[in-house]
Amino acid sequence: MKFDYRHCIAELDDPDKAHVRDTKKEDLISFHHGWGTEIRNNFGLWRGNTNLLADCRAEEPDGASMVIIEAVWQRLQKP
């Protein structure tokens, strides 16, 4: 993924980083409404940000936000 998700990590405080890191991969969907909505709104996914949709290889905003959430989660798994 070309999207630079580091600013998403920078926006999280330490307790939120720990919460994301400690969440099981199959439970990341629990972030869909709160954090996922913020991602979709802040990055214009509902306003036609087709470049980001393509970068996430997603056909719709919900899928793109989950790709971003998973990318952040994967990065937080690393020490």
Protein backbone atom coordinates (compact mmCIF):
# COMPACT_ATOMS: atom_id res chain seq x y z
CA MET A 1 0.00 0.00 0.00
CA LYS A 2 1.39 3.41 -0.99
CA PHE A 3 -0.73 5.32 1.53
CA ASP A 4 1.43 6.68 4.35
CA TYR A 5 -0.42 5.53 7.43
CA ARG A 6 2.24 6.88 9.85
CA HIS A 7 0.20 10.03 10.48
CA CYS A 8 -2.70 7.78 11.56
CA ILE A 9 -0.38 6.28 14.16
CA ALA A 10 0.87 9.72 15.19
CA GLU A 11 -2.72 10.79 15.89
CA LEU A 12 -3.18 7.96 18.41
CA ASP A 13 -2.19 8.47 22.03
CA ASP A 14 -0.33 5.68 23.83
CA PRO A 15 -3.43 4.07 25.38
CA ASP A 16 -5.13 4.00 21.95
CA LYS A 17 -2.02 2.50 20.35
CA ALA A 18 -1.99 -0.19 23.03
CA HIS A 19 -5.70 -0.86 22.48
CA VAL A 20 -5.23 -1.27 18.71
CA ARG A 21 -2.08 -3.36 19.16
CA ASP A 22 -3.78 -5.66 21.68
CA THR A 23 -6.86 -6.21 19.52
CA LYS A 24 -6.97 -9.52 17.68
CA LYS A 25 -6.85 -9.17 13.91
CA GLU A 26 -10.27 -10.75 13.52
CA ASP A 27 -11.70 -8.15 15.92
CA LEU A 28 -10.46 -5.06 14.04
CA ILE A 29 -13.98 -4.65 12.67
CA SER A 30 -14.85 -3.24 16.11
CA PHE A 31 -13.10 -0.02 14.98
CA HIS A 32 -15.36 0.35 11.92
CA HIS A 33 -17.78 2.91 13.36
CA GLY A 34 -15.62 5.18 15.52
CA TRP A 35 -12.11 5.25 14.15
CA GLY A 36 -13.17 3.95 10.74
CA THR A 37 -15.71 6.76 10.36
CA GLU A 38 -13.01 9.28 11.26
CA ILE A 39 -10.70 7.81 8.61
CA ARG A 40 -13.43 7.84 5.96
CA ASN A 41 -14.36 11.45 6.75
CA ASN A 42 -10.86 12.87 7.21
CA PHE A 43 -9.46 11.33 4.05
CA GLY A 44 -12.43 12.16 1.85
CA LEU A 45 -13.33 8.58 1.10
CA TRP A 46 -17.01 9.48 0.83
CA ARG A 47 -16.16 12.56 -1.23
CA GLY A 48 -14.52 10.68 -4.08
CA ASN A 49 -10.91 10.18 -3.03
CA THR A 50 -10.44 7.65 -5.81
CA ASN A 51 -6.65 7.71 -5.47
CA LEU A 52 -6.84 6.45 -1.90
CA LEU A 53 -9.50 3.89 -2.80
CA ALA A 54 -7.23 2.60 -5.54
CA ASP A 55 -4.19 2.64 -3.27
CA CYS A 56 -6.11 0.55 -0.74
CA ARG A 57 -7.34 -1.70 -3.56
CA ALA A 58 -10.85 -1.12 -2.29
CA GLU A 59 -14.02 -0.49 -4.24
CA GLU A 60 -15.77 1.41 -1.49
CA PRO A 61 -14.89 3.63 1.50
CA ASP A 62 -15.71 1.06 4.18
CA GLY A 63 -13.24 -1.39 2.70
CA ALA A 64 -10.55 1.26 2.34
CA SER A 65 -10.83 2.32 5.97
CA MET A 66 -10.46 -1.30 7.06
CA VAL A 67 -7.33 -1.65 4.92
CA ILE A 68 -5.89 1.42 6.67
CA ILE A 69 -6.87 0.14 10.12
CA GLU A 70 -5.25 -3.20 9.39
CA ALA A 71 -2.07 -1.50 8.10
CA VAL A 72 -1.84 0.52 11.32
CA TRP A 73 -2.49 -2.62 13.39
CA GLN A 74 0.22 -4.53 11.51
CA ARG A 75 2.73 -1.74 12.10
CA LEU A 76 1.89 -1.62 15.80
CA GLN A 77 2.62 -5.35 16.06
CA LYS A 78 6.29 -4.62 15.39
CA PRO A 79 8.53 -3.67 18.33
